[in-house]
Amino acid sequence: MTDHYIIDELGIAHPEPDLLTWAKWFETHERHIACVIVNGVRVSTVFLGLNHNFGAGEPIPFETMIFGGPHDQYQERYATRTEALIGHAKAVNLVKSAATTEGQTSG
């Protein structure tokens, strides 16, 4: 089995056993699933192209990260695009909640 994945037009991850095919796909396709900036903090969700489940179980090729703010370097990984989009929304809410809390405490 391979740890290299590509996604189809529906966002479904499929294993790609041929390294050269995977590398060509990886460098030519958009891998961002979602990306927003909230109050100067970036929330990014991407298709990693690699399985980040380093043990047994289903592949984990999607990731959400927060860059900046009090939750800087927050990270969650997911098995499917749908899970990743839900996780992205949760991370955005986390950033928004932190901004609201900071505004209340600095007032």
Protein backbone atom coordinates (compact mmCIF):
# COMPACT_ATOMS: atom_id res chain seq x y z
CA MET A 1 0.00 0.00 0.00
CA THR A 2 1.11 3.58 -0.63
CA ASP A 3 1.19 6.64 1.60
CA HIS A 4 0.80 8.95 -1.44
CA TYR A 5 -2.66 10.27 -2.33
CA ILE A 6 -4.32 12.46 -4.93
CA ILE A 7 -7.85 13.86 -4.86
CA ASP A 8 -10.41 13.70 -7.62
CA GLU A 9 -12.76 16.48 -8.75
CA LEU A 10 -15.10 15.65 -5.85
CA GLY A 11 -12.31 15.98 -3.28
CA ILE A 12 -12.11 12.25 -2.59
CA ALA A 13 -8.62 10.99 -1.79
CA HIS A 14 -7.30 8.02 -3.76
CA PRO A 15 -4.01 6.18 -3.29
CA GLU A 16 -1.43 6.79 -6.00
CA PRO A 17 1.18 4.02 -6.01
CA ASP A 18 3.30 5.54 -8.79
CA LEU A 19 5.62 8.13 -7.22
CA LEU A 20 6.23 10.04 -10.45
CA THR A 21 2.50 10.31 -11.22
CA TRP A 22 1.87 11.50 -7.66
CA ALA A 23 4.70 14.07 -7.80
CA LYS A 24 3.42 15.53 -11.09
CA TRP A 25 -0.11 15.74 -9.70
CA PHE A 26 1.14 17.25 -6.43
CA GLU A 27 3.02 20.08 -8.10
CA THR A 28 0.28 21.02 -10.58
CA HIS A 29 -2.98 20.84 -8.60
CA GLU A 30 -4.46 23.25 -6.10
CA ARG A 31 -4.41 21.61 -2.69
CA HIS A 32 -6.04 24.34 -0.59
CA ILE A 33 -9.46 23.25 0.55
CA ALA A 34 -10.20 26.48 2.41
CA CYS A 35 -8.22 29.49 3.62
CA VAL A 36 -9.43 32.62 5.43
CA ILE A 37 -7.88 35.44 7.41
CA VAL A 38 -9.77 36.56 10.52
CA ASN A 39 -8.41 39.58 12.38
CA GLY A 40 -4.95 38.99 10.90
CA VAL A 41 -4.95 35.27 11.78
CA ARG A 42 -4.85 32.75 8.93
CA VAL A 43 -6.84 29.52 9.06
CA SER A 44 -5.73 27.15 6.32
CA THR A 45 -7.05 23.73 5.36
CA VAL A 46 -5.13 21.72 2.79
CA PHE A 47 -4.90 18.33 1.17
CA LEU A 48 -1.46 17.09 2.25
CA GLY A 49 -1.11 14.40 -0.41
CA LEU A 50 0.47 12.09 2.13
CA ASN A 51 -1.03 9.81 4.75
CA HIS A 52 -0.33 11.34 8.16
CA ASN A 53 -1.81 8.39 10.02
CA PHE A 54 1.45 6.73 10.93
CA GLY A 55 -0.20 3.70 12.48
CA ALA A 56 -3.06 1.41 11.61
CA GLY A 57 -6.35 2.80 10.38
CA GLU A 58 -7.71 4.96 7.61
CA PRO A 59 -5.48 7.46 5.79
CA ILE A 60 -5.33 11.01 7.16
CA PRO A 61 -4.43 13.25 4.18
CA PHE A 62 -6.14 16.58 5.14
CA GLU A 63 -5.01 19.20 7.67
CA THR A 64 -6.22 22.47 9.21
CA MET A 65 -3.78 24.86 10.83
CA ILE A 66 -4.01 28.27 12.49
CA PHE A 67 -1.21 30.77 11.89
CA GLY A 68 -1.01 33.66 14.34
CA GLY A 69 -2.99 34.74 17.37
CA PRO A 70 -3.35 32.85 20.64
CA HIS A 71 -3.99 29.54 18.85
CA ASP A 72 -0.92 29.81 16.59
CA GLN A 73 0.17 26.37 15.31
CA TYR A 74 -3.16 24.74 16.24
CA GLN A 75 -3.46 21.69 14.02
CA GLU A 76 -6.02 19.00 13.30
CA ARG A 77 -5.94 16.29 10.64
CA TYR A 78 -8.77 14.48 8.90
CA ALA A 79 -9.58 11.47 6.76
CA THR A 80 -12.02 13.15 4.35
CA ARG A 81 -12.62 16.50 2.69
CA THR A 82 -15.97 16.77 4.46
CA GLU A 83 -14.32 16.27 7.86
CA ALA A 84 -11.68 18.82 6.87
CA LEU A 85 -14.30 21.45 5.96
CA ILE A 86 -16.08 20.89 9.28
CA GLY A 87 -12.74 21.14 11.10
CA HIS A 88 -11.91 24.32 9.17
CA ALA A 89 -15.17 25.92 10.33
CA LYS A 90 -14.41 24.92 13.93
CA ALA A 91 -10.93 26.46 13.69
CA VAL A 92 -12.39 29.68 12.26
CA ASN A 93 -14.84 29.81 15.18
CA LEU A 94 -11.95 29.22 17.59
CA VAL A 95 -10.11 32.22 16.12
CA LYS A 96 -13.26 34.37 16.22
CA SER A 97 -13.93 33.38 19.85
CA ALA A 98 -10.38 34.26 20.84
CA ALA A 99 -10.72 37.67 19.16
CA THR A 100 -13.99 38.33 21.01
CA THR A 101 -12.47 37.25 24.34
CA GLU A 102 -9.39 39.44 23.78
CA GLY A 103 -11.63 42.41 22.96
CA GLN A 104 -13.57 41.92 26.19
CA THR A 105 -10.48 41.68 28.39
CA SER A 106 -8.62 44.64 26.89
CA GLY A 107 -11.57 47.06 27.10
